[in-house]
Amino acid sequence: MASPSFVVKFFALISLFSVCCASRILTTQIEDPQNQQLLRYHNGALLQGKIAVNLIWYGKFKPSQRAIVADFITSLAASPPSSRNQPSVAAWWKNIEKYYHLANAKKPSSLSLYLGKQILDESYSIGKSLSEKQIVQLASKGDQRNAVNVVLTASDVAVDGFCVNRCGTHGSKNALVKGKNYKFAYIWVGNSETQCPGYCAWPFHQPIYGPQSPPLVAPNNDVGLDGMVMSLGGLLAGTATNPFGNGFYQGPSEAPLEAATACPGVYAKGAYPGYAGDLLVDPTSGASYNAHGAHGRKYLLPAIYDPSTSKCSTLV
C-alpha cells in the first residue's frame, strides 16, 4: 500500500539538507546496468491496455468540483489544441511511457487511460469515519476489470491515517468476474481543505511546519480540489508503474518511493524545500500552475522521476 502524498509533503518540508531540484541527478543503487535506477523494477506487471478511470465520489461535492477532477482525467489522453505548444497534462503523463520501455525494451506494453463512470454517494452510506477496509469496499463499486477505481472523500470525511501520515493511497484487490480471477487497481484521495490543507494542499496553503512562504493561488480556485489533483496525479503515476506492489519502486513495499514520490516537493525547475519551483503564473488570476488541460483548465502536477536520465522531470 502506497502513500505518495504523505511522502511528498514530509520530505519537501523537513528534509532541509536534501535538496531535490529538476536538474539534480539521483543516486543509483547498484552497479548492474539493468538496475542503475533509484526505482528498482521488481519484475511484476505494469498497468496496461485500455483502462477506465472510474470516479467514486463519497460525500458532498459540487458539480464544479467534480468537473475539475473529471477534466484532469480527460486531459491525460491528449493535449487540447489550444495548448499544443504549451506544457500539458498529456505531456506530463507521457513520461510514464519510459517505464514500460525499461520493463520490456523489446516489446513494451502501453497504457491508455480514459474517464469511465462517475458514482455518487452523497448520503455517506457507511458513515463519516472510514477505515482502510471501507475504502476498498467503496472502490469495489467500480468496474473490477480493466479499471482504476478512484475513491474521493469529501472534506468532512475522516479516513484512517488521513492528515496524520498520508493524503491518499493506492493498492489493488482481487475480484471474481464471470468465474475468473482478476485484480483491479484502486486509489483513494481525501479533500484536505478543512482538515489539513497545510499538509495535503501545499503550496496552495501555508505549510504546517518547515520553511514558511506565502501560499500560491490555486489554478481552479479551490484549494481542496487542486490539492486532490496533485495527490491524484502522483498516485496515478504510482498505480501505472507499480499497480500490484511488484513493479517500479524503492524501499519497503508498504511505503515505497514511486515514480512521483521519488521527487518530493518538486513541481518546476529551481525547486527546494518550501519552494515548489519556478511555476507559470496566470496573468489574470495570479494562479500558479505547470500544465494545461481540457476545457481551458490549468493544473499543478508533481515531477516524475525519469528512468532514462535518473533525474526529476518537470514540465517547466
C-alpha atoms as a PDB file:
ATOM      1  CA  MET A   1       0.000   0.000   0.000  1.00  0.00           C
ATOM      2  CA  ALA A   2       1.466   3.323  -1.006  1.00  0.00           C
ATOM      3  CA  SER A   3       1.041   6.776   0.492  1.00  0.00           C
ATOM      4  CA  PRO A   4       2.654   9.118  -2.014  1.00  0.00           C
ATOM      5  CA  SER A   5       1.243  12.443  -0.898  1.00  0.00           C
ATOM      6  CA  PHE A   6       2.472  11.949   2.667  1.00  0.00           C
ATOM      7  CA  VAL A   7       5.975  11.158   1.476  1.00  0.00           C
ATOM      8  CA  VAL A   8       5.935  14.189  -0.841  1.00  0.00           C
ATOM      9  CA  LYS A   9       4.949  16.658   1.854  1.00  0.00           C
ATOM     10  CA  PHE A  10       7.120  15.080   4.533  1.00  0.00           C
ATOM     11  CA  PHE A  11      10.346  15.227   2.576  1.00  0.00           C
ATOM     12  CA  ALA A  12       9.546  18.535   0.895  1.00  0.00           C
ATOM     13  CA  LEU A  13       9.093  20.357   4.170  1.00  0.00           C
ATOM     14  CA  ILE A  14      11.569  18.816   6.606  1.00  0.00           C
ATOM     15  CA  SER A  15      14.476  17.490   4.520  1.00  0.00           C
ATOM     16  CA  LEU A  16      16.230  20.848   4.573  1.00  0.00           C
ATOM     17  CA  PHE A  17      19.626  19.466   3.639  1.00  0.00           C
ATOM     18  CA  SER A  18      18.471  17.159   0.863  1.00  0.00           C
ATOM     19  CA  VAL A  19      17.513  19.476  -1.958  1.00  0.00           C
ATOM     20  CA  CYS A  20      15.989  17.752  -4.945  1.00  0.00           C
ATOM     21  CA  CYS A  21      15.524  20.022  -7.943  1.00  0.00           C
ATOM     22  CA  ALA A  22      14.637  19.357 -11.560  1.00  0.00           C
ATOM     23  CA  SER A  23      18.254  19.107 -12.678  1.00  0.00           C
ATOM     24  CA  ARG A  24      19.542  17.003  -9.796  1.00  0.00           C
ATOM     25  CA  ILE A  25      20.902  13.573 -10.779  1.00  0.00           C
ATOM     26  CA  LEU A  26      19.648  10.984  -8.319  1.00  0.00           C
ATOM     27  CA  THR A  27      21.891   8.335  -6.815  1.00  0.00           C
ATOM     28  CA  THR A  28      21.849   4.900  -8.447  1.00  0.00           C
ATOM     29  CA  GLN A  29      21.574   1.834  -6.271  1.00  0.00           C
ATOM     30  CA  ILE A  30      23.767  -0.964  -7.641  1.00  0.00           C
ATOM     31  CA  GLU A  31      26.203  -1.473 -10.481  1.00  0.00           C
ATOM     32  CA  ASP A  32      24.144  -3.825 -12.638  1.00  0.00           C
ATOM     33  CA  PRO A  33      23.268  -1.686 -15.741  1.00  0.00           C
ATOM     34  CA  GLN A  34      19.736  -3.038 -15.713  1.00  0.00           C
ATOM     35  CA  ASN A  35      19.236  -1.811 -12.161  1.00  0.00           C
ATOM     36  CA  GLN A  36      21.096   1.521 -12.141  1.00  0.00           C
ATOM     37  CA  GLN A  37      17.959   3.320 -11.106  1.00  0.00           C
ATOM     38  CA  LEU A  38      16.646   4.934  -7.977  1.00  0.00           C
ATOM     39  CA  LEU A  39      13.481   2.903  -8.556  1.00  0.00           C
ATOM     40  CA  ARG A  40      14.171  -0.798  -8.941  1.00  0.00           C
ATOM     41  CA  TYR A  41      11.995  -2.972 -11.148  1.00  0.00           C
ATOM     42  CA  HIS A  42      10.684  -5.974  -9.238  1.00  0.00           C
ATOM     43  CA  ASN A  43       9.611  -7.854 -12.394  1.00  0.00           C
ATOM     44  CA  GLY A  44       5.880  -7.510 -11.833  1.00  0.00           C
ATOM     45  CA  ALA A  45       3.162  -6.373 -14.212  1.00  0.00           C
ATOM     46  CA  LEU A  46       2.616  -2.714 -15.028  1.00  0.00           C
ATOM     47  CA  LEU A  47      -0.857  -1.357 -15.653  1.00  0.00           C
ATOM     48  CA  GLN A  48      -1.519  -1.867 -19.355  1.00  0.00           C
ATOM     49  CA  GLY A  49      -4.163  -1.777 -22.045  1.00  0.00           C
ATOM     50  CA  LYS A  50      -7.204   0.445 -22.229  1.00  0.00           C
ATOM     51  CA  ILE A  51      -8.132   1.246 -18.649  1.00  0.00           C
ATOM     52  CA  ALA A  52     -11.173   3.137 -17.361  1.00  0.00           C
ATOM     53  CA  VAL A  53     -10.644   5.586 -14.509  1.00  0.00           C
ATOM     54  CA  ASN A  54     -13.875   5.436 -12.511  1.00  0.00           C
ATOM     55  CA  LEU A  55     -14.528   8.226 -10.010  1.00  0.00           C
ATOM     56  CA  ILE A  56     -16.396   7.309  -6.828  1.00  0.00           C
ATOM     57  CA  TRP A  57     -17.426  10.482  -5.022  1.00  0.00           C
ATOM     58  CA  TYR A  58     -18.073   9.884  -1.339  1.00  0.00           C
ATOM     59  CA  GLY A  59     -19.823  12.742   0.430  1.00  0.00           C
ATOM     60  CA  LYS A  60     -20.808  16.196  -0.761  1.00  0.00           C
ATOM     61  CA  PHE A  61     -19.049  17.622  -3.801  1.00  0.00           C
ATOM     62  CA  LYS A  62     -20.321  20.431  -6.016  1.00  0.00           C
ATOM     63  CA  PRO A  63     -20.693  19.662  -9.741  1.00  0.00           C
ATOM     64  CA  SER A  64     -17.999  22.274 -10.400  1.00  0.00           C
ATOM     65  CA  GLN A  65     -15.635  20.366  -8.097  1.00  0.00           C
ATOM     66  CA  ARG A  66     -16.312  17.048  -9.785  1.00  0.00           C
ATOM     67  CA  ALA A  67     -15.596  18.711 -13.140  1.00  0.00           C
ATOM     68  CA  ILE A  68     -12.090  19.717 -12.001  1.00  0.00           C
ATOM     69  CA  VAL A  69     -11.090  16.078 -11.471  1.00  0.00           C
ATOM     70  CA  ALA A  70     -13.024  14.703 -14.454  1.00  0.00           C
ATOM     71  CA  ASP A  71     -11.325  17.214 -16.764  1.00  0.00           C
ATOM     72  CA  PHE A  72      -7.952  16.199 -15.343  1.00  0.00           C
ATOM     73  CA  ILE A  73      -8.559  12.537 -16.218  1.00  0.00           C
ATOM     74  CA  THR A  74      -9.739  13.529 -19.699  1.00  0.00           C
ATOM     75  CA  SER A  75      -6.610  15.649 -20.105  1.00  0.00           C
ATOM     76  CA  LEU A  76      -4.318  12.634 -19.684  1.00  0.00           C
ATOM     77  CA  ALA A  77      -5.198  11.260 -23.114  1.00  0.00           C
ATOM     78  CA  ALA A  78      -4.338  14.137 -25.440  1.00  0.00           C
ATOM     79  CA  SER A  79      -3.283  17.760 -25.300  1.00  0.00           C
ATOM     80  CA  PRO A  80      -6.034  20.255 -26.109  1.00  0.00           C
ATOM     81  CA  PRO A  81      -5.479  22.011 -29.455  1.00  0.00           C
ATOM     82  CA  SER A  82      -5.071  25.356 -27.706  1.00  0.00           C
ATOM     83  CA  SER A  83      -2.076  24.116 -25.705  1.00  0.00           C
ATOM     84  CA  ARG A  84      -0.051  22.179 -28.268  1.00  0.00           C
ATOM     85  CA  ASN A  85       2.934  24.480 -27.834  1.00  0.00           C
ATOM     86  CA  GLN A  86       2.492  24.697 -24.077  1.00  0.00           C
ATOM     87  CA  PRO A  87       3.150  22.259 -21.220  1.00  0.00           C
ATOM     88  CA  SER A  88       0.177  19.942 -20.917  1.00  0.00           C
ATOM     89  CA  VAL A  89      -1.215  17.210 -18.699  1.00  0.00           C
ATOM     90  CA  ALA A  90      -0.791  14.755 -21.583  1.00  0.00           C
ATOM     91  CA  ALA A  91       2.888  15.679 -21.977  1.00  0.00           C
ATOM     92  CA  TRP A  92       3.367  15.175 -18.231  1.00  0.00           C
ATOM     93  CA  TRP A  93       1.763  11.721 -18.420  1.00  0.00           C
ATOM     94  CA  LYS A  94       3.894  10.718 -21.398  1.00  0.00           C
ATOM     95  CA  ASN A  95       6.882  10.450 -19.044  1.00  0.00           C
ATOM     96  CA  ILE A  96       5.303   7.252 -17.721  1.00  0.00           C
ATOM     97  CA  GLU A  97       5.926   5.506 -21.059  1.00  0.00           C
ATOM     98  CA  LYS A  98       9.632   5.300 -20.279  1.00  0.00           C
ATOM     99  CA  TYR A  99       8.932   2.801 -17.518  1.00  0.00           C
ATOM    100  CA  TYR A 100       7.219   0.493 -19.997  1.00  0.00           C
ATOM    101  CA  HIS A 101      10.258   0.555 -22.281  1.00  0.00           C
ATOM    102  CA  LEU A 102      12.522  -0.132 -19.325  1.00  0.00           C
ATOM    103  CA  ALA A 103      10.399  -3.096 -18.213  1.00  0.00           C
ATOM    104  CA  ASN A 104      10.446  -4.691 -21.676  1.00  0.00           C
ATOM    105  CA  ALA A 105      12.629  -2.927 -24.221  1.00  0.00           C
ATOM    106  CA  LYS A 106      11.958  -5.478 -26.976  1.00  0.00           C
ATOM    107  CA  LYS A 107       8.195  -5.425 -26.730  1.00  0.00           C
ATOM    108  CA  PRO A 108       6.993  -2.665 -24.409  1.00  0.00           C
ATOM    109  CA  SER A 109       3.351  -2.660 -23.429  1.00  0.00           C
ATOM    110  CA  SER A 110       1.265   0.509 -23.387  1.00  0.00           C
ATOM    111  CA  LEU A 111      -1.382   2.152 -21.255  1.00  0.00           C
ATOM    112  CA  SER A 112      -4.363   4.231 -22.304  1.00  0.00           C
ATOM    113  CA  LEU A 113      -6.500   5.836 -19.600  1.00  0.00           C
ATOM    114  CA  TYR A 114      -9.952   7.269 -20.167  1.00  0.00           C
ATOM    115  CA  LEU A 115     -12.678   8.719 -17.967  1.00  0.00           C
ATOM    116  CA  GLY A 116     -15.084   5.967 -17.036  1.00  0.00           C
ATOM    117  CA  LYS A 117     -18.093   6.019 -14.715  1.00  0.00           C
ATOM    118  CA  GLN A 118     -18.788   8.552 -12.003  1.00  0.00           C
ATOM    119  CA  ILE A 119     -20.571   7.119  -8.974  1.00  0.00           C
ATOM    120  CA  LEU A 120     -22.064   9.460  -6.362  1.00  0.00           C
ATOM    121  CA  ASP A 121     -22.557   8.543  -2.713  1.00  0.00           C
ATOM    122  CA  GLU A 122     -23.777  11.815  -1.251  1.00  0.00           C
ATOM    123  CA  SER A 123     -25.586  10.183   1.672  1.00  0.00           C
ATOM    124  CA  TYR A 124     -22.404   8.998   3.422  1.00  0.00           C
ATOM    125  CA  SER A 125     -23.735   5.425   3.221  1.00  0.00           C
ATOM    126  CA  ILE A 126     -21.105   3.967   5.565  1.00  0.00           C
ATOM    127  CA  GLY A 127     -20.574   6.988   7.786  1.00  0.00           C
ATOM    128  CA  LYS A 128     -18.095   9.847   8.028  1.00  0.00           C
ATOM    129  CA  SER A 129     -15.213   7.954   9.607  1.00  0.00           C
ATOM    130  CA  LEU A 130     -13.734   5.317   7.316  1.00  0.00           C
ATOM    131  CA  SER A 131     -11.209   2.529   7.711  1.00  0.00           C
ATOM    132  CA  GLU A 132      -8.904   1.212   5.019  1.00  0.00           C
ATOM    133  CA  LYS A 133     -11.213  -1.770   4.608  1.00  0.00           C
ATOM    134  CA  GLN A 134     -14.148   0.559   3.946  1.00  0.00           C
ATOM    135  CA  ILE A 135     -12.140   2.481   1.349  1.00  0.00           C
ATOM    136  CA  VAL A 136     -11.600  -0.799  -0.507  1.00  0.00           C
ATOM    137  CA  GLN A 137     -15.311  -1.530  -0.103  1.00  0.00           C
ATOM    138  CA  LEU A 138     -16.146   1.774  -1.791  1.00  0.00           C
ATOM    139  CA  ALA A 139     -13.571   1.162  -4.519  1.00  0.00           C
ATOM    140  CA  SER A 140     -15.279  -2.151  -5.288  1.00  0.00           C
ATOM    141  CA  LYS A 141     -18.336  -0.232  -6.503  1.00  0.00           C
ATOM    142  CA  GLY A 142     -16.497   0.487  -9.740  1.00  0.00           C
ATOM    143  CA  ASP A 143     -15.657  -1.961 -12.514  1.00  0.00           C
ATOM    144  CA  GLN A 144     -13.445  -4.786 -11.294  1.00  0.00           C
ATOM    145  CA  ARG A 145     -11.691  -5.445 -14.564  1.00  0.00           C
ATOM    146  CA  ASN A 146      -9.657  -3.099 -16.781  1.00  0.00           C
ATOM    147  CA  ALA A 147     -10.221  -0.258 -14.348  1.00  0.00           C
ATOM    148  CA  VAL A 148      -8.688   2.035 -11.790  1.00  0.00           C
ATOM    149  CA  ASN A 149     -11.357   2.913  -9.244  1.00  0.00           C
ATOM    150  CA  VAL A 150     -10.704   6.250  -7.559  1.00  0.00           C
ATOM    151  CA  VAL A 151     -12.428   6.975  -4.239  1.00  0.00           C
ATOM    152  CA  LEU A 152     -12.586  10.686  -3.458  1.00  0.00           C
ATOM    153  CA  THR A 153     -13.729  11.559   0.059  1.00  0.00           C
ATOM    154  CA  ALA A 154     -15.283  14.905   0.952  1.00  0.00           C
ATOM    155  CA  SER A 155     -13.754  17.443   3.324  1.00  0.00           C
ATOM    156  CA  ASP A 156     -15.946  16.311   6.242  1.00  0.00           C
ATOM    157  CA  VAL A 157     -14.950  12.635   5.969  1.00  0.00           C
ATOM    158  CA  ALA A 158     -12.227  11.236   8.225  1.00  0.00           C
ATOM    159  CA  VAL A 159     -10.140   8.317   6.974  1.00  0.00           C
ATOM    160  CA  ASP A 160      -7.649   6.271   8.997  1.00  0.00           C
ATOM    161  CA  GLY A 161      -4.251   7.945   8.665  1.00  0.00           C
ATOM    162  CA  PHE A 162      -5.561  10.947   6.745  1.00  0.00           C
ATOM    163  CA  CYS A 163      -3.702  14.122   7.716  1.00  0.00           C
ATOM    164  CA  VAL A 164      -1.575  12.039  10.097  1.00  0.00           C
ATOM    165  CA  ASN A 165       0.684  10.195   7.704  1.00  0.00           C
ATOM    166  CA  ARG A 166      -0.992  10.310   4.298  1.00  0.00           C
ATOM    167  CA  CYS A 167      -3.149  12.296   1.887  1.00  0.00           C
ATOM    168  CA  GLY A 168      -4.139   9.310  -0.233  1.00  0.00           C
ATOM    169  CA  THR A 169      -3.163   5.753  -1.124  1.00  0.00           C
ATOM    170  CA  HIS A 170      -3.227   3.259  -3.952  1.00  0.00           C
ATOM    171  CA  GLY A 171      -3.445  -0.501  -3.978  1.00  0.00           C
ATOM    172  CA  SER A 172      -5.137  -3.460  -5.652  1.00  0.00           C
ATOM    173  CA  LYS A 173      -7.792  -6.018  -4.864  1.00  0.00           C
ATOM    174  CA  ASN A 174      -8.630  -9.474  -6.160  1.00  0.00           C
ATOM    175  CA  ALA A 175     -12.017  -9.821  -7.807  1.00  0.00           C
ATOM    176  CA  LEU A 176     -14.011 -12.669  -9.313  1.00  0.00           C
ATOM    177  CA  VAL A 177     -15.576 -11.628 -12.624  1.00  0.00           C
ATOM    178  CA  LYS A 178     -17.644 -14.183 -14.557  1.00  0.00           C
ATOM    179  CA  GLY A 179     -15.883 -17.052 -12.818  1.00  0.00           C
ATOM    180  CA  LYS A 180     -12.382 -15.716 -13.489  1.00  0.00           C
ATOM    181  CA  ASN A 181      -9.943 -14.124 -11.075  1.00  0.00           C
ATOM    182  CA  TYR A 182      -8.795 -10.585 -11.809  1.00  0.00           C
ATOM    183  CA  LYS A 183      -7.109  -7.767  -9.962  1.00  0.00           C
ATOM    184  CA  PHE A 184      -8.260  -4.185 -10.147  1.00  0.00           C
ATOM    185  CA  ALA A 185      -6.311  -1.159  -9.017  1.00  0.00           C
ATOM    186  CA  TYR A 186      -7.775   1.464  -6.739  1.00  0.00           C
ATOM    187  CA  ILE A 187      -6.836   4.895  -5.421  1.00  0.00           C
ATOM    188  CA  TRP A 188      -8.131   6.927  -2.529  1.00  0.00           C
ATOM    189  CA  VAL A 189      -7.655  10.697  -2.179  1.00  0.00           C
ATOM    190  CA  GLY A 190      -9.127  12.898   0.556  1.00  0.00           C
ATOM    191  CA  ASN A 191     -10.186  16.546   0.367  1.00  0.00           C
ATOM    192  CA  SER A 192      -7.945  18.231   2.937  1.00  0.00           C
ATOM    193  CA  GLU A 193      -9.500  21.703   2.712  1.00  0.00           C
ATOM    194  CA  THR A 194     -10.855  21.821   6.264  1.00  0.00           C
ATOM    195  CA  GLN A 195      -8.750  19.121   7.920  1.00  0.00           C
ATOM    196  CA  CYS A 196      -5.128  19.691   6.879  1.00  0.00           C
ATOM    197  CA  PRO A 197      -4.622  21.938   3.829  1.00  0.00           C
ATOM    198  CA  GLY A 198      -1.128  22.830   5.013  1.00  0.00           C
ATOM    199  CA  TYR A 199      -0.277  19.147   4.936  1.00  0.00           C
ATOM    200  CA  CYS A 200      -2.004  17.892   1.787  1.00  0.00           C
ATOM    201  CA  ALA A 201      -2.647  21.025  -0.315  1.00  0.00           C
ATOM    202  CA  TRP A 202       0.751  22.756  -0.109  1.00  0.00           C
ATOM    203  CA  PRO A 203       1.797  25.004  -1.891  1.00  0.00           C
ATOM    204  CA  PHE A 204      -1.760  26.359  -2.059  1.00  0.00           C
ATOM    205  CA  HIS A 205      -1.838  26.700   1.716  1.00  0.00           C
ATOM    206  CA  GLN A 206       0.723  27.719   4.324  1.00  0.00           C
ATOM    207  CA  PRO A 207       2.680  24.600   5.358  1.00  0.00           C
ATOM    208  CA  ILE A 208       2.077  23.308   8.861  1.00  0.00           C
ATOM    209  CA  TYR A 209       5.818  23.059   9.507  1.00  0.00           C
ATOM    210  CA  GLY A 210       9.140  23.637   7.793  1.00  0.00           C
ATOM    211  CA  PRO A 211      10.143  26.641   5.675  1.00  0.00           C
ATOM    212  CA  GLN A 212       7.309  29.165   5.545  1.00  0.00           C
ATOM    213  CA  SER A 213       6.375  31.006   2.356  1.00  0.00           C
ATOM    214  CA  PRO A 214       3.158  32.672   1.197  1.00  0.00           C
ATOM    215  CA  PRO A 215       0.624  30.225  -0.255  1.00  0.00           C
ATOM    216  CA  LEU A 216       0.166  30.213  -4.013  1.00  0.00           C
ATOM    217  CA  VAL A 217      -3.149  30.828  -5.750  1.00  0.00           C
ATOM    218  CA  ALA A 218      -4.838  27.565  -6.791  1.00  0.00           C
ATOM    219  CA  PRO A 219      -5.421  27.339 -10.575  1.00  0.00           C
ATOM    220  CA  ASN A 220      -9.023  26.157 -10.237  1.00  0.00           C
ATOM    221  CA  ASN A 221      -9.738  28.473  -7.305  1.00  0.00           C
ATOM    222  CA  ASP A 222     -10.316  25.533  -4.969  1.00  0.00           C
ATOM    223  CA  VAL A 223      -7.518  24.708  -2.532  1.00  0.00           C
ATOM    224  CA  GLY A 224      -9.051  21.366  -1.580  1.00  0.00           C
ATOM    225  CA  LEU A 225      -9.698  20.111  -5.108  1.00  0.00           C
ATOM    226  CA  ASP A 226      -6.461  21.443  -6.581  1.00  0.00           C
ATOM    227  CA  GLY A 227      -4.685  19.646  -3.748  1.00  0.00           C
ATOM    228  CA  MET A 228      -6.595  16.473  -4.589  1.00  0.00           C
ATOM    229  CA  VAL A 229      -5.467  16.683  -8.214  1.00  0.00           C
ATOM    230  CA  MET A 230      -1.825  16.990  -7.129  1.00  0.00           C
ATOM    231  CA  SER A 231      -2.204  13.886  -4.970  1.00  0.00           C
ATOM    232  CA  LEU A 232      -4.196  12.018  -7.597  1.00  0.00           C
ATOM    233  CA  GLY A 233      -1.565  12.733 -10.247  1.00  0.00           C
ATOM    234  CA  GLY A 234       1.192  11.227  -8.125  1.00  0.00           C
ATOM    235  CA  LEU A 235      -0.972   8.267  -7.170  1.00  0.00           C
ATOM    236  CA  LEU A 236      -1.874   7.574 -10.811  1.00  0.00           C
ATOM    237  CA  ALA A 237       1.828   7.569 -11.693  1.00  0.00           C
ATOM    238  CA  GLY A 238       2.462   5.098  -8.881  1.00  0.00           C
ATOM    239  CA  THR A 239      -0.518   2.978  -9.904  1.00  0.00           C
ATOM    240  CA  ALA A 240       0.631   2.747 -13.536  1.00  0.00           C
ATOM    241  CA  THR A 241       4.202   1.757 -12.683  1.00  0.00           C
ATOM    242  CA  ASN A 242       3.590  -0.239  -9.507  1.00  0.00           C
ATOM    243  CA  PRO A 243      -0.054  -1.358  -9.583  1.00  0.00           C
ATOM    244  CA  PHE A 244       0.279  -4.640  -7.693  1.00  0.00           C
ATOM    245  CA  GLY A 245       3.227  -3.969  -5.398  1.00  0.00           C
ATOM    246  CA  ASN A 246       5.885  -5.607  -7.578  1.00  0.00           C
ATOM    247  CA  GLY A 247       6.616  -3.008 -10.253  1.00  0.00           C
ATOM    248  CA  PHE A 248       8.948   0.001 -10.033  1.00  0.00           C
ATOM    249  CA  TYR A 249       9.681   1.231  -6.521  1.00  0.00           C
ATOM    250  CA  GLN A 250      12.362   1.611  -3.892  1.00  0.00           C
ATOM    251  CA  GLY A 251      12.238   0.916  -0.178  1.00  0.00           C
ATOM    252  CA  PRO A 252       9.663  -1.112   1.765  1.00  0.00           C
ATOM    253  CA  SER A 253       6.696  -2.267  -0.310  1.00  0.00           C
ATOM    254  CA  GLU A 254       4.287  -0.946   2.352  1.00  0.00           C
ATOM    255  CA  ALA A 255       5.578   2.634   1.960  1.00  0.00           C
ATOM    256  CA  PRO A 256       7.605   2.758  -1.248  1.00  0.00           C
ATOM    257  CA  LEU A 257       9.169   5.568  -3.210  1.00  0.00           C
ATOM    258  CA  GLU A 258       7.491   5.546  -6.614  1.00  0.00           C
ATOM    259  CA  ALA A 259       7.514   7.481  -9.880  1.00  0.00           C
ATOM    260  CA  ALA A 260       6.268  10.752  -8.357  1.00  0.00           C
ATOM    261  CA  THR A 261       7.305  10.405  -4.723  1.00  0.00           C
ATOM    262  CA  ALA A 262      10.924   9.929  -5.809  1.00  0.00           C
ATOM    263  CA  CYS A 263      10.891  13.679  -6.494  1.00  0.00           C
ATOM    264  CA  PRO A 264       9.369  15.088  -3.292  1.00  0.00           C
ATOM    265  CA  GLY A 265       8.057  18.634  -3.353  1.00  0.00           C
ATOM    266  CA  VAL A 266       9.293  19.307  -6.903  1.00  0.00           C
ATOM    267  CA  TYR A 267       6.868  20.949  -9.340  1.00  0.00           C
ATOM    268  CA  ALA A 268       9.194  23.013 -11.530  1.00  0.00           C
ATOM    269  CA  LYS A 269      12.860  23.824 -12.071  1.00  0.00           C
ATOM    270  CA  GLY A 270      14.520  25.594  -9.185  1.00  0.00           C
ATOM    271  CA  ALA A 271      12.518  23.766  -6.506  1.00  0.00           C
ATOM    272  CA  TYR A 272      13.878  23.405  -2.986  1.00  0.00           C
ATOM    273  CA  PRO A 273      12.276  22.585   0.386  1.00  0.00           C
ATOM    274  CA  GLY A 274       9.466  25.054   0.962  1.00  0.00           C
ATOM    275  CA  TYR A 275       9.554  26.298  -2.660  1.00  0.00           C
ATOM    276  CA  ALA A 276       7.684  24.423  -5.388  1.00  0.00           C
ATOM    277  CA  GLY A 277       9.812  25.787  -8.233  1.00  0.00           C
ATOM    278  CA  ASP A 278       9.595  28.444 -10.922  1.00  0.00           C
ATOM    279  CA  LEU A 279       5.983  27.886 -11.906  1.00  0.00           C
ATOM    280  CA  LEU A 280       3.889  29.530 -14.582  1.00  0.00           C
ATOM    281  CA  VAL A 281       1.539  32.234 -13.342  1.00  0.00           C
ATOM    282  CA  ASP A 282      -1.779  33.145 -14.919  1.00  0.00           C
ATOM    283  CA  PRO A 283      -1.650  36.906 -15.580  1.00  0.00           C
ATOM    284  CA  THR A 284      -5.372  37.346 -14.902  1.00  0.00           C
ATOM    285  CA  SER A 285      -5.975  35.207 -11.823  1.00  0.00           C
ATOM    286  CA  GLY A 286      -2.452  35.111 -10.411  1.00  0.00           C
ATOM    287  CA  ALA A 287      -2.772  31.329 -10.104  1.00  0.00           C
ATOM    288  CA  SER A 288       0.339  29.118 -10.239  1.00  0.00           C
ATOM    289  CA  TYR A 289       0.380  26.038 -12.450  1.00  0.00           C
ATOM    290  CA  ASN A 290       2.579  23.911 -14.688  1.00  0.00           C
ATOM    291  CA  ALA A 291       0.174  22.108 -17.030  1.00  0.00           C
ATOM    292  CA  HIS A 292      -2.684  22.970 -19.367  1.00  0.00           C
ATOM    293  CA  GLY A 293      -5.655  20.630 -19.534  1.00  0.00           C
ATOM    294  CA  ALA A 294      -9.011  20.106 -21.204  1.00  0.00           C
ATOM    295  CA  HIS A 295     -11.604  22.869 -21.355  1.00  0.00           C
ATOM    296  CA  GLY A 296      -9.089  25.580 -20.587  1.00  0.00           C
ATOM    297  CA  ARG A 297      -8.099  24.039 -17.249  1.00  0.00           C
ATOM    298  CA  LYS A 298      -4.760  24.592 -15.570  1.00  0.00           C
ATOM    299  CA  TYR A 299      -3.237  22.199 -13.052  1.00  0.00           C
ATOM    300  CA  LEU A 300      -0.216  21.806 -10.807  1.00  0.00           C
ATOM    301  CA  LEU A 301       1.343  18.344 -11.155  1.00  0.00           C
ATOM    302  CA  PRO A 302       4.341  16.755  -9.405  1.00  0.00           C
ATOM    303  CA  ALA A 303       7.654  15.997 -11.085  1.00  0.00           C
ATOM    304  CA  ILE A 304       8.121  12.462 -12.401  1.00  0.00           C
ATOM    305  CA  TYR A 305      11.335  10.543 -11.937  1.00  0.00           C
ATOM    306  CA  ASP A 306      12.761   9.916 -15.420  1.00  0.00           C
ATOM    307  CA  PRO A 307      14.443   6.477 -15.505  1.00  0.00           C
ATOM    308  CA  SER A 308      16.244   7.316 -18.765  1.00  0.00           C
ATOM    309  CA  THR A 309      18.130  10.262 -17.222  1.00  0.00           C
ATOM    310  CA  SER A 310      17.943   9.489 -13.485  1.00  0.00           C
ATOM    311  CA  LYS A 311      16.546  12.983 -12.970  1.00  0.00           C
ATOM    312  CA  CYS A 312      13.334  14.535 -11.767  1.00  0.00           C
ATOM    313  CA  SER A 313      11.496  15.597 -14.898  1.00  0.00           C
ATOM    314  CA  THR A 314       9.312  18.705 -14.799  1.00  0.00           C
ATOM    315  CA  LEU A 315       7.188  20.369 -17.433  1.00  0.00           C
ATOM    316  CA  VAL A 316       8.539  23.853 -16.708  1.00  0.00           C
END
